[in-house]
Amino acid sequence: MCKPNINELEVYGFIKWGKWEFDNQKNKIIYVSLDGTQLATVQDVIYAFANNEFVAYIGITTNYLATYQYFDNDGSLNTINGRMDGHRTKVNSAGTNFANDGGSGLYPNLYHHIRSGNGMTILYYKPITIKYDDLEIDMLRGLEFPLQRKFQAEWIIQGPNPTKRALESYTKKILAEIGVS
């Protein structure tokens, strides 16, 4: 059976938005549009990193703590551009640590994947607004974990069954260190 990949995301309704790549001149991982045009700012969406082999990550642009608790948010944290800037900064600022670290999770995996010359497309999905009486239901948070499970997002360690994912990663690392595959 094939793993879910970019094609399944598109059938579900995800739209291709950009891609991750390595900029040799800047010696950094960057995100760019697929057609060379300016990337559009899309707000309050579910986004995914995927390619033809697998779905790597599914997240949401809304950051609850940053939006509501700690900052006077101008809305930029809720855009796909804002979230990709955050991911890009974290990957590049800690990239040298990832080079020799077999860690798990989004940032080391994205770093190693892109530095190895592999492609990774950025897609987004904008759910419809649903109301119950006079309340708007937060469909981003309501769909995030179910979509991670449905598409078997491989680089999620905080979503569905994070303990199992973290333990699997450490178990593989330990087994590799002692020569067991």
N, C-alpha and C. Protein backbone atom coordinates (compact mmCIF):
# COMPACT_ATOMS: atom_id res chain seq x y z
N MET A 1 0.83 -1.18 0.00
CA MET A 1 0.00 0.00 0.00
C MET A 1 0.88 1.25 0.00
N CYS A 2 0.55 2.22 -0.84
CA CYS A 2 1.32 3.46 -0.94
C CYS A 2 1.00 4.41 0.21
N LYS A 3 2.02 5.14 0.61
CA LYS A 3 1.81 6.16 1.63
C LYS A 3 1.09 7.36 0.99
N PRO A 4 0.29 8.08 1.78
CA PRO A 4 -0.31 9.31 1.27
C PRO A 4 0.79 10.27 0.81
N ASN A 5 0.51 11.00 -0.29
CA ASN A 5 1.50 11.94 -0.79
C ASN A 5 0.81 13.20 -1.30
N ILE A 6 1.54 13.99 -2.04
CA ILE A 6 1.04 15.27 -2.51
C ILE A 6 -0.25 15.13 -3.34
N ASN A 7 -0.35 14.06 -4.09
CA ASN A 7 -1.54 13.85 -4.92
C ASN A 7 -2.80 13.72 -4.07
N GLU A 8 -2.72 12.97 -2.98
CA GLU A 8 -3.88 12.80 -2.11
C GLU A 8 -4.28 14.13 -1.45
N LEU A 9 -3.28 14.95 -1.10
CA LEU A 9 -3.59 16.26 -0.53
C LEU A 9 -4.34 17.13 -1.54
N GLU A 10 -3.90 17.09 -2.80
CA GLU A 10 -4.57 17.90 -3.82
C GLU A 10 -5.99 17.41 -4.08
N VAL A 11 -6.19 16.11 -4.08
CA VAL A 11 -7.55 15.57 -4.26
C VAL A 11 -8.44 16.03 -3.11
N TYR A 12 -7.89 16.11 -1.91
CA TYR A 12 -8.66 16.55 -0.75
C TYR A 12 -9.03 18.04 -0.83
N GLY A 13 -8.24 18.81 -1.56
CA GLY A 13 -8.51 20.23 -1.72
C GLY A 13 -7.36 21.15 -1.38
N PHE A 14 -6.21 20.59 -1.01
CA PHE A 14 -5.03 21.42 -0.75
C PHE A 14 -4.54 22.03 -2.06
N ILE A 15 -4.03 23.24 -1.98
CA ILE A 15 -3.56 23.99 -3.14
C ILE A 15 -2.05 24.19 -3.02
N LYS A 16 -1.33 23.92 -4.11
CA LYS A 16 0.12 24.15 -4.10
C LYS A 16 0.37 25.65 -3.95
N TRP A 17 1.33 25.99 -3.08
CA TRP A 17 1.60 27.38 -2.76
C TRP A 17 3.06 27.75 -3.03
N GLY A 18 3.98 26.88 -2.68
CA GLY A 18 5.40 27.16 -2.85
C GLY A 18 6.21 25.91 -2.62
N LYS A 19 7.51 26.10 -2.45
CA LYS A 19 8.38 24.95 -2.20
C LYS A 19 9.58 25.38 -1.37
N TRP A 20 10.14 24.39 -0.66
CA TRP A 20 11.37 24.58 0.09
C TRP A 20 12.53 24.22 -0.83
N GLU A 21 13.61 24.99 -0.77
CA GLU A 21 14.81 24.64 -1.53
C GLU A 21 16.02 25.22 -0.82
N PHE A 22 17.19 24.77 -1.27
CA PHE A 22 18.44 25.28 -0.70
C PHE A 22 19.01 26.33 -1.64
N ASP A 23 19.32 27.51 -1.10
CA ASP A 23 19.92 28.60 -1.85
C ASP A 23 21.42 28.52 -1.65
N ASN A 24 22.16 28.08 -2.69
CA ASN A 24 23.60 27.89 -2.57
C ASN A 24 24.34 29.21 -2.34
N GLN A 25 23.85 30.30 -2.93
CA GLN A 25 24.53 31.59 -2.76
C GLN A 25 24.42 32.08 -1.32
N LYS A 26 23.25 31.92 -0.72
CA LYS A 26 23.04 32.38 0.67
C LYS A 26 23.41 31.30 1.68
N ASN A 27 23.60 30.07 1.20
CA ASN A 27 23.88 28.92 2.05
C ASN A 27 22.78 28.75 3.11
N LYS A 28 21.54 28.90 2.67
CA LYS A 28 20.39 28.79 3.56
C LYS A 28 19.23 28.08 2.87
N ILE A 29 18.35 27.52 3.69
CA ILE A 29 17.10 26.96 3.17
C ILE A 29 16.10 28.10 3.07
N ILE A 30 15.42 28.17 1.92
CA ILE A 30 14.45 29.23 1.67
C ILE A 30 13.16 28.60 1.14
N TYR A 31 12.08 29.40 1.11
CA TYR A 31 10.86 28.97 0.44
C TYR A 31 10.58 29.95 -0.69
N VAL A 32 10.12 29.41 -1.81
CA VAL A 32 9.86 30.21 -3.01
C VAL A 32 8.56 29.76 -3.65
N SER A 33 8.03 30.62 -4.53
CA SER A 33 6.82 30.25 -5.25
C SER A 33 7.15 29.19 -6.29
N LEU A 34 6.14 28.47 -6.73
CA LEU A 34 6.35 27.43 -7.73
C LEU A 34 6.54 27.99 -9.12
N ASP A 35 5.99 29.19 -9.38
CA ASP A 35 6.05 29.75 -10.74
C ASP A 35 6.89 31.01 -10.84
N GLY A 36 7.63 31.35 -9.79
CA GLY A 36 8.49 32.51 -9.84
C GLY A 36 7.80 33.83 -9.51
N THR A 37 6.52 33.80 -9.26
CA THR A 37 5.80 35.03 -8.92
C THR A 37 5.84 35.25 -7.42
N GLN A 38 5.39 36.41 -7.01
CA GLN A 38 5.32 36.73 -5.58
C GLN A 38 4.34 35.77 -4.89
N LEU A 39 4.74 35.25 -3.76
CA LEU A 39 3.86 34.36 -3.02
C LEU A 39 2.73 35.16 -2.39
N ALA A 40 1.54 34.70 -2.57
CA ALA A 40 0.37 35.38 -2.00
C ALA A 40 0.32 35.15 -0.50
N THR A 41 -0.20 36.12 0.21
CA THR A 41 -0.40 35.99 1.65
C THR A 41 -1.79 35.40 1.87
N VAL A 42 -1.83 34.24 2.46
CA VAL A 42 -3.08 33.57 2.74
C VAL A 42 -3.17 33.42 4.25
N GLN A 43 -4.30 33.78 4.83
CA GLN A 43 -4.44 33.80 6.28
C GLN A 43 -5.36 32.68 6.78
N ASP A 44 -5.07 32.21 8.00
CA ASP A 44 -5.90 31.21 8.68
C ASP A 44 -6.15 29.97 7.82
N VAL A 45 -5.07 29.23 7.57
CA VAL A 45 -5.15 28.03 6.75
C VAL A 45 -4.44 26.87 7.43
N ILE A 46 -4.72 25.68 6.94
CA ILE A 46 -3.97 24.48 7.28
C ILE A 46 -2.94 24.33 6.17
N TYR A 47 -1.68 24.10 6.53
CA TYR A 47 -0.66 23.96 5.49
C TYR A 47 0.02 22.60 5.62
N ALA A 48 0.65 22.19 4.53
CA ALA A 48 1.31 20.89 4.51
C ALA A 48 2.62 20.98 3.74
N PHE A 49 3.57 20.14 4.13
CA PHE A 49 4.80 19.94 3.37
C PHE A 49 4.71 18.51 2.84
N ALA A 50 4.83 18.35 1.53
CA ALA A 50 4.68 17.02 0.93
C ALA A 50 5.45 16.94 -0.38
N ASN A 51 5.65 15.72 -0.83
CA ASN A 51 6.20 15.48 -2.17
C ASN A 51 5.54 14.24 -2.73
N ASN A 52 6.10 13.70 -3.79
CA ASN A 52 5.48 12.54 -4.43
C ASN A 52 5.63 11.25 -3.62
N GLU A 53 6.47 11.29 -2.58
CA GLU A 53 6.72 10.09 -1.79
C GLU A 53 5.91 10.04 -0.49
N PHE A 54 5.72 11.21 0.15
CA PHE A 54 5.05 11.18 1.44
C PHE A 54 4.58 12.57 1.84
N VAL A 55 3.71 12.61 2.85
CA VAL A 55 3.30 13.86 3.49
C VAL A 55 4.19 14.00 4.73
N ALA A 56 4.96 15.09 4.77
CA ALA A 56 5.92 15.27 5.84
C ALA A 56 5.31 15.94 7.06
N TYR A 57 4.51 16.97 6.85
CA TYR A 57 4.07 17.80 7.96
C TYR A 57 2.74 18.45 7.63
N ILE A 58 1.88 18.57 8.62
CA ILE A 58 0.64 19.33 8.49
C ILE A 58 0.52 20.19 9.74
N GLY A 59 0.31 21.49 9.54
CA GLY A 59 0.18 22.42 10.65
C GLY A 59 -0.86 23.48 10.34
N ILE A 60 -1.05 24.39 11.26
CA ILE A 60 -2.01 25.48 11.06
C ILE A 60 -1.30 26.81 11.22
N THR A 61 -1.81 27.83 10.54
CA THR A 61 -1.17 29.14 10.62
C THR A 61 -1.51 29.86 11.91
N THR A 62 -2.62 29.55 12.53
CA THR A 62 -3.01 30.23 13.75
C THR A 62 -2.19 29.69 14.91
N ASN A 63 -1.49 30.57 15.57
CA ASN A 63 -0.68 30.21 16.72
C ASN A 63 -1.39 30.75 17.95
N TYR A 64 -2.05 29.89 18.69
CA TYR A 64 -2.90 30.32 19.80
C TYR A 64 -2.15 31.19 20.80
N LEU A 65 -1.00 30.73 21.28
CA LEU A 65 -0.29 31.49 22.31
C LEU A 65 0.17 32.84 21.79
N ALA A 66 0.74 32.85 20.60
CA ALA A 66 1.24 34.12 20.05
C ALA A 66 0.08 35.05 19.71
N THR A 67 -1.01 34.51 19.25
CA THR A 67 -2.12 35.34 18.82
C THR A 67 -2.88 35.93 19.99
N TYR A 68 -3.15 35.15 20.99
CA TYR A 68 -4.06 35.58 22.04
C TYR A 68 -3.43 35.92 23.38
N GLN A 69 -2.28 35.37 23.68
CA GLN A 69 -1.79 35.49 25.04
C GLN A 69 -0.60 36.44 25.19
N TYR A 70 0.39 36.32 24.34
CA TYR A 70 1.64 37.01 24.59
C TYR A 70 1.90 38.27 23.77
N PHE A 71 1.34 38.38 22.59
CA PHE A 71 1.70 39.47 21.71
C PHE A 71 0.49 40.27 21.28
N ASP A 72 0.73 41.52 20.93
CA ASP A 72 -0.27 42.29 20.20
C ASP A 72 -0.09 41.88 18.75
N ASN A 73 -0.89 40.98 18.30
CA ASN A 73 -0.70 40.37 16.98
C ASN A 73 -1.28 41.26 15.89
N ASP A 74 -0.44 41.54 14.90
CA ASP A 74 -0.89 42.32 13.74
C ASP A 74 -1.48 41.43 12.66
N GLY A 75 -1.58 40.15 12.92
CA GLY A 75 -2.14 39.21 11.95
C GLY A 75 -1.09 38.46 11.16
N SER A 76 0.18 38.92 11.15
CA SER A 76 1.20 38.28 10.34
C SER A 76 1.50 36.86 10.80
N LEU A 77 1.31 36.58 12.10
CA LEU A 77 1.54 35.22 12.58
C LEU A 77 0.50 34.25 12.04
N ASN A 78 -0.62 34.75 11.58
CA ASN A 78 -1.68 33.89 11.09
C ASN A 78 -1.62 33.66 9.58
N THR A 79 -0.62 34.24 8.91
CA THR A 79 -0.50 34.04 7.47
C THR A 79 0.45 32.88 7.17
N ILE A 80 0.30 32.32 6.00
CA ILE A 80 1.20 31.25 5.61
C ILE A 80 2.62 31.80 5.45
N ASN A 81 2.74 33.05 4.97
CA ASN A 81 4.07 33.67 4.88
C ASN A 81 4.71 33.76 6.26
N GLY A 82 3.94 34.22 7.25
CA GLY A 82 4.46 34.35 8.61
C GLY A 82 4.92 33.03 9.19
N ARG A 83 4.14 31.99 8.97
CA ARG A 83 4.51 30.67 9.49
C ARG A 83 5.75 30.12 8.77
N MET A 84 5.84 30.31 7.43
CA MET A 84 7.01 29.82 6.70
C MET A 84 8.25 30.60 7.12
N ASP A 85 8.12 31.91 7.37
CA ASP A 85 9.26 32.69 7.88
C ASP A 85 9.75 32.10 9.20
N GLY A 86 8.81 31.75 10.08
CA GLY A 86 9.18 31.15 11.35
C GLY A 86 9.91 29.82 11.17
N HIS A 87 9.37 28.97 10.30
CA HIS A 87 10.02 27.67 10.04
C HIS A 87 11.40 27.88 9.42
N ARG A 88 11.50 28.78 8.43
CA ARG A 88 12.77 29.04 7.74
C ARG A 88 13.82 29.52 8.74
N THR A 89 13.45 30.44 9.60
CA THR A 89 14.39 30.98 10.58
C THR A 89 14.88 29.89 11.53
N LYS A 90 13.97 29.06 12.02
CA LYS A 90 14.37 28.00 12.95
C LYS A 90 15.26 26.96 12.28
N VAL A 91 14.94 26.60 11.04
CA VAL A 91 15.75 25.62 10.32
C VAL A 91 17.16 26.16 10.09
N ASN A 92 17.26 27.41 9.63
CA ASN A 92 18.57 27.98 9.31
C ASN A 92 19.38 28.35 10.55
N SER A 93 18.74 28.83 11.60
CA SER A 93 19.50 29.23 12.78
C SER A 93 20.08 28.03 13.51
N ALA A 94 19.44 26.91 13.40
CA ALA A 94 19.92 25.71 14.09
C ALA A 94 20.45 24.67 13.12
N GLY A 95 20.56 25.03 11.85
CA GLY A 95 20.96 24.07 10.82
C GLY A 95 22.27 23.38 11.09
N THR A 96 23.27 24.11 11.60
CA THR A 96 24.55 23.48 11.87
C THR A 96 24.43 22.42 12.95
N ASN A 97 23.53 22.62 13.90
CA ASN A 97 23.32 21.60 14.93
C ASN A 97 22.68 20.36 14.33
N PHE A 98 21.80 20.56 13.34
CA PHE A 98 21.13 19.42 12.72
C PHE A 98 22.08 18.60 11.87
N ALA A 99 23.14 19.22 11.37
CA ALA A 99 24.04 18.52 10.46
C ALA A 99 24.64 17.27 11.10
N ASN A 100 24.90 17.33 12.40
CA ASN A 100 25.52 16.20 13.08
C ASN A 100 24.59 15.52 14.08
N ASP A 101 23.37 16.00 14.16
CA ASP A 101 22.42 15.49 15.14
C ASP A 101 21.36 14.67 14.43
N GLY A 102 21.10 13.50 14.89
CA GLY A 102 20.08 12.66 14.29
C GLY A 102 18.71 12.91 14.88
N GLY A 103 18.46 14.12 15.36
CA GLY A 103 17.20 14.44 16.04
C GLY A 103 15.99 14.21 15.16
N SER A 104 14.83 14.21 15.81
CA SER A 104 13.60 14.01 15.08
C SER A 104 12.79 15.30 15.11
N GLY A 105 11.70 15.30 14.38
CA GLY A 105 10.84 16.47 14.35
C GLY A 105 10.98 17.22 13.05
N LEU A 106 10.24 18.29 12.96
CA LEU A 106 10.16 19.04 11.72
C LEU A 106 11.51 19.62 11.29
N TYR A 107 12.18 20.36 12.15
CA TYR A 107 13.34 21.13 11.71
C TYR A 107 14.53 20.29 11.27
N PRO A 108 14.98 19.30 12.05
CA PRO A 108 16.08 18.48 11.54
C PRO A 108 15.70 17.70 10.29
N ASN A 109 14.47 17.21 10.24
CA ASN A 109 14.04 16.46 9.05
C ASN A 109 13.99 17.35 7.81
N LEU A 110 13.43 18.54 7.95
CA LEU A 110 13.36 19.47 6.82
C LEU A 110 14.77 19.86 6.38
N TYR A 111 15.62 20.16 7.33
CA TYR A 111 17.00 20.53 7.02
C TYR A 111 17.69 19.43 6.22
N HIS A 112 17.69 18.22 6.74
CA HIS A 112 18.37 17.11 6.06
C HIS A 112 17.74 16.80 4.70
N HIS A 113 16.42 16.85 4.64
CA HIS A 113 15.72 16.53 3.39
C HIS A 113 16.09 17.53 2.29
N ILE A 114 16.04 18.81 2.58
CA ILE A 114 16.33 19.83 1.58
C ILE A 114 17.82 19.87 1.25
N ARG A 115 18.68 19.76 2.25
CA ARG A 115 20.13 19.76 1.99
C ARG A 115 20.54 18.55 1.16
N SER A 116 19.76 17.48 1.21
CA SER A 116 20.07 16.28 0.42
C SER A 116 19.59 16.42 -1.02
N GLY A 117 18.98 17.55 -1.36
CA GLY A 117 18.53 17.78 -2.73
C GLY A 117 17.13 17.27 -3.03
N ASN A 118 16.40 16.90 -2.00
CA ASN A 118 15.05 16.40 -2.20
C ASN A 118 14.05 17.55 -2.23
N GLY A 119 13.01 17.40 -3.01
CA GLY A 119 11.99 18.43 -3.12
C GLY A 119 10.95 18.33 -2.01
N MET A 120 10.38 19.48 -1.67
CA MET A 120 9.31 19.52 -0.69
C MET A 120 8.40 20.68 -1.04
N THR A 121 7.16 20.37 -1.41
CA THR A 121 6.18 21.38 -1.80
C THR A 121 5.41 21.85 -0.58
N ILE A 122 5.04 23.13 -0.58
CA ILE A 122 4.20 23.71 0.46
C ILE A 122 2.81 23.89 -0.12
N LEU A 123 1.81 23.33 0.56
CA LEU A 123 0.43 23.43 0.12
C LEU A 123 -0.40 24.04 1.24
N TYR A 124 -1.61 24.52 0.90
CA TYR A 124 -2.50 25.01 1.94
C TYR A 124 -3.94 24.61 1.65
N TYR A 125 -4.73 24.61 2.71
CA TYR A 125 -6.15 24.28 2.63
C TYR A 125 -6.90 25.28 3.50
N LYS A 126 -7.90 25.93 2.94
CA LYS A 126 -8.69 26.92 3.69
C LYS A 126 -10.06 26.31 3.96
N PRO A 127 -10.30 25.87 5.21
CA PRO A 127 -11.60 25.26 5.52
C PRO A 127 -12.72 26.31 5.51
N ILE A 128 -13.91 25.85 5.28
CA ILE A 128 -15.06 26.74 5.31
C ILE A 128 -15.36 27.14 6.75
N THR A 129 -16.05 28.25 6.90
CA THR A 129 -16.46 28.71 8.22
C THR A 129 -17.78 28.03 8.59
N ILE A 130 -17.81 27.48 9.79
CA ILE A 130 -19.02 26.82 10.28
C ILE A 130 -19.44 27.52 11.57
N LYS A 131 -20.73 27.75 11.69
CA LYS A 131 -21.26 28.40 12.90
C LYS A 131 -22.22 27.46 13.61
N TYR A 132 -22.19 27.54 14.92
CA TYR A 132 -23.15 26.85 15.77
C TYR A 132 -23.81 27.94 16.59
N ASP A 133 -25.09 28.16 16.38
CA ASP A 133 -25.78 29.32 16.94
C ASP A 133 -25.00 30.56 16.53
N ASP A 134 -24.56 31.35 17.49
CA ASP A 134 -23.81 32.56 17.14
C ASP A 134 -22.30 32.37 17.31
N LEU A 135 -21.85 31.11 17.46
CA LEU A 135 -20.43 30.82 17.66
C LEU A 135 -19.79 30.31 16.38
N GLU A 136 -18.61 30.84 16.07
CA GLU A 136 -17.85 30.33 14.94
C GLU A 136 -16.96 29.20 15.43
N ILE A 137 -17.06 28.06 14.78
CA ILE A 137 -16.28 26.88 15.17
C ILE A 137 -14.88 27.01 14.55
N ASP A 138 -13.84 26.77 15.35
CA ASP A 138 -12.46 26.87 14.89
C ASP A 138 -12.11 25.61 14.10
N MET A 139 -12.33 25.67 12.81
CA MET A 139 -12.10 24.50 11.95
C MET A 139 -10.61 24.21 11.77
N LEU A 140 -9.75 25.21 11.91
CA LEU A 140 -8.31 24.95 11.79
C LEU A 140 -7.86 23.96 12.85
N ARG A 141 -8.17 24.29 14.10
CA ARG A 141 -7.76 23.39 15.19
C ARG A 141 -8.55 22.08 15.17
N GLY A 142 -9.78 22.16 14.74
CA GLY A 142 -10.61 20.96 14.69
C GLY A 142 -10.16 19.96 13.65
N LEU A 143 -9.52 20.44 12.58
CA LEU A 143 -9.08 19.56 11.50
C LEU A 143 -7.60 19.18 11.57
N GLU A 144 -6.81 19.94 12.31
CA GLU A 144 -5.36 19.73 12.29
C GLU A 144 -4.96 18.28 12.62
N PHE A 145 -5.34 17.77 13.78
CA PHE A 145 -4.93 16.41 14.16
C PHE A 145 -5.58 15.34 13.28
N PRO A 146 -6.88 15.44 12.96
CA PRO A 146 -7.45 14.43 12.07
C PRO A 146 -6.76 14.38 10.70
N LEU A 147 -6.38 15.53 10.15
CA LEU A 147 -5.67 15.53 8.87
C LEU A 147 -4.27 14.95 9.01
N GLN A 148 -3.61 15.22 10.14
CA GLN A 148 -2.29 14.62 10.37
C GLN A 148 -2.39 13.09 10.38
N ARG A 149 -3.45 12.58 11.02
CA ARG A 149 -3.66 11.12 11.05
C ARG A 149 -4.03 10.59 9.67
N LYS A 150 -4.97 11.24 9.01
CA LYS A 150 -5.45 10.78 7.70
C LYS A 150 -4.31 10.66 6.69
N PHE A 151 -3.44 11.69 6.66
CA PHE A 151 -2.37 11.72 5.67
C PHE A 151 -1.04 11.21 6.22
N GLN A 152 -1.05 10.67 7.44
CA GLN A 152 0.13 10.05 8.06
C GLN A 152 1.35 10.96 7.99
N ALA A 153 1.18 12.21 8.41
CA ALA A 153 2.27 13.19 8.39
C ALA A 153 3.45 12.67 9.21
N GLU A 154 4.57 12.45 8.57
CA GLU A 154 5.69 11.73 9.19
C GLU A 154 6.53 12.57 10.13
N TRP A 155 6.56 13.87 9.98
CA TRP A 155 7.46 14.69 10.81
C TRP A 155 6.73 15.35 11.97
N ILE A 156 5.58 14.86 12.33
CA ILE A 156 4.81 15.41 13.44
C ILE A 156 5.27 14.71 14.71
N ILE A 157 5.67 15.50 15.71
CA ILE A 157 5.98 14.89 17.02
C ILE A 157 5.08 15.46 18.10
N GLN A 158 4.31 16.52 17.78
CA GLN A 158 3.42 17.09 18.79
C GLN A 158 1.97 16.72 18.53
N GLY A 159 1.68 16.17 17.37
CA GLY A 159 0.31 15.87 17.01
C GLY A 159 -0.11 14.49 17.45
N PRO A 160 -0.76 13.72 16.56
CA PRO A 160 -1.27 12.40 16.91
C PRO A 160 -0.17 11.48 17.43
N ASN A 161 -0.36 11.01 18.63
CA ASN A 161 0.54 10.06 19.27
C ASN A 161 1.99 10.52 19.29
N PRO A 162 2.28 11.70 19.87
CA PRO A 162 3.64 12.24 19.85
C PRO A 162 4.65 11.38 20.59
N THR A 163 4.24 10.74 21.66
CA THR A 163 5.18 9.91 22.41
C THR A 163 5.66 8.75 21.56
N LYS A 164 4.74 8.10 20.86
CA LYS A 164 5.12 6.98 20.01
C LYS A 164 6.09 7.44 18.93
N ARG A 165 5.80 8.58 18.29
CA ARG A 165 6.68 9.08 17.22
C ARG A 165 8.07 9.41 17.78
N ALA A 166 8.13 10.06 18.93
CA ALA A 166 9.42 10.41 19.51
C ALA A 166 10.20 9.15 19.88
N LEU A 167 9.53 8.17 20.51
CA LEU A 167 10.21 6.93 20.89
C LEU A 167 10.68 6.16 19.68
N GLU A 168 9.89 6.13 18.60
CA GLU A 168 10.32 5.43 17.38
C GLU A 168 11.60 6.04 16.84
N SER A 169 11.67 7.37 16.84
CA SER A 169 12.85 8.05 16.34
C SER A 169 14.08 7.70 17.18
N TYR A 170 13.95 7.78 18.50
CA TYR A 170 15.08 7.46 19.37
C TYR A 170 15.46 5.98 19.28
N THR A 171 14.47 5.12 19.16
CA THR A 171 14.74 3.69 19.03
C THR A 171 15.54 3.42 17.76
N LYS A 172 15.14 4.03 16.64
CA LYS A 172 15.89 3.85 15.38
C LYS A 172 17.31 4.35 15.52
N LYS A 173 17.49 5.49 16.17
CA LYS A 173 18.83 6.06 16.35
C LYS A 173 19.70 5.12 17.19
N ILE A 174 19.16 4.60 18.29
CA ILE A 174 19.91 3.70 19.16
C ILE A 174 20.26 2.41 18.42
N LEU A 175 19.29 1.86 17.70
CA LEU A 175 19.55 0.63 16.96
C LEU A 175 20.62 0.85 15.88
N ALA A 176 20.60 1.98 15.22
CA ALA A 176 21.61 2.28 14.22
C ALA A 176 22.99 2.40 14.85
N GLU A 177 23.05 3.01 16.05
CA GLU A 177 24.33 3.18 16.74
C GLU A 177 24.94 1.85 17.15
N ILE A 178 24.11 0.86 17.44
CA ILE A 178 24.65 -0.45 17.85
C ILE A 178 24.71 -1.44 16.69
N GLY A 179 24.38 -0.92 15.49
CA GLY A 179 24.54 -1.74 14.29
C GLY A 179 23.37 -2.64 13.95
N VAL A 180 22.22 -2.39 14.51
CA VAL A 180 21.03 -3.20 14.20
C VAL A 180 20.13 -2.37 13.31
N SER A 181 19.70 -2.97 12.20
CA SER A 181 18.81 -2.22 11.31
C SER A 181 17.41 -2.76 11.30
